Amino acid sequence: MDVDTCIRENIVWQKLPEDIRVLLGNSQREYDKLVLEYSIKNQLRYKGNLGECFNCGFILS
C-alpha cells in the first residue's frame, strides 16, 4: 500500500499503517499536505473525502 492508495481509500492519520507513517516521517502535517495536493490534482469533490477536513483560506501558487 502506498500513500496515494491510503488517500484514495480515505484512511485518516490515526488509522494509517505504521510503514506509511514512517515514510512520512511520522508527520501528520505532511500527510495532510499530501491529501490536499492529491485532492486538487485529481479534482476530488471534498464531500466524503479526506480533503473535506481542510478549510482552504489561502491561494495556492
Protein backbone atom coordinates (compact mmCIF):
# COMPACT_ATOMS: atom_id res chain seq x y z
CA MET A 1 0.00 0.00 0.00
CA ASP A 2 1.27 3.48 -0.83
CA VAL A 3 0.30 6.98 0.31
CA ASP A 4 -1.91 7.64 -2.73
CA THR A 5 -3.86 4.45 -2.05
CA CYS A 6 -4.39 5.47 1.57
CA ILE A 7 -5.68 8.87 0.47
CA ARG A 8 -7.92 7.34 -2.20
CA GLU A 9 -9.38 4.98 0.42
CA ASN A 10 -9.99 7.89 2.85
CA ILE A 11 -7.74 6.48 5.57
CA VAL A 12 -7.34 9.05 8.34
CA TRP A 13 -3.97 9.62 10.05
CA GLN A 14 -4.97 7.66 13.16
CA LYS A 15 -5.66 4.53 11.07
CA LEU A 16 -2.72 4.91 8.70
CA PRO A 17 -0.43 1.84 8.57
CA GLU A 18 2.80 2.24 10.52
CA ASP A 19 5.01 1.81 7.43
CA ILE A 20 3.26 4.73 5.71
CA ARG A 21 3.65 6.88 8.83
CA VAL A 22 7.38 6.13 8.84
CA LEU A 23 7.61 7.10 5.14
CA LEU A 24 6.07 10.46 6.09
CA GLY A 25 8.48 10.96 8.98
CA ASN A 26 5.62 10.43 11.46
CA SER A 27 4.30 13.85 10.40
CA GLN A 28 0.54 14.23 10.26
CA ARG A 29 1.09 17.67 8.77
CA GLU A 30 2.97 16.11 5.82
CA TYR A 31 0.11 13.63 5.28
CA ASP A 32 -2.45 16.44 5.41
CA LYS A 33 -0.42 18.35 2.82
CA LEU A 34 -0.34 15.31 0.52
CA VAL A 35 -4.10 14.79 0.96
CA LEU A 36 -4.75 18.36 -0.13
CA GLU A 37 -2.36 18.12 -3.10
CA TYR A 38 -3.87 14.79 -4.19
CA SER A 39 -7.40 16.17 -3.90
CA ILE A 40 -6.54 19.20 -6.03
CA LYS A 41 -4.60 17.22 -8.66
CA ASN A 42 -7.42 14.71 -9.03
CA GLN A 43 -10.20 17.30 -8.70
CA LEU A 44 -11.88 15.30 -5.98
CA ARG A 45 -15.06 16.66 -4.54
CA TYR A 46 -14.35 17.34 -0.88
CA LYS A 47 -17.66 15.94 0.40
CA GLY A 48 -16.92 12.45 1.68
CA ASN A 49 -13.18 12.64 1.00
CA LEU A 50 -10.28 13.42 3.31
CA GLY A 51 -9.94 16.81 1.64
CA GLU A 52 -13.21 17.79 3.28
CA CYS A 53 -11.26 18.22 6.53
CA PHE A 54 -9.46 21.29 5.18
CA ASN A 55 -10.68 24.84 5.25
CA CYS A 56 -8.65 26.42 2.47
CA GLY A 57 -8.15 30.05 3.38
CA PHE A 58 -5.13 30.52 1.15
CA ILE A 59 -4.28 30.67 -2.53
CA LEU A 60 -2.02 28.00 -3.97
CA SER A 61 0.57 29.25 -6.40
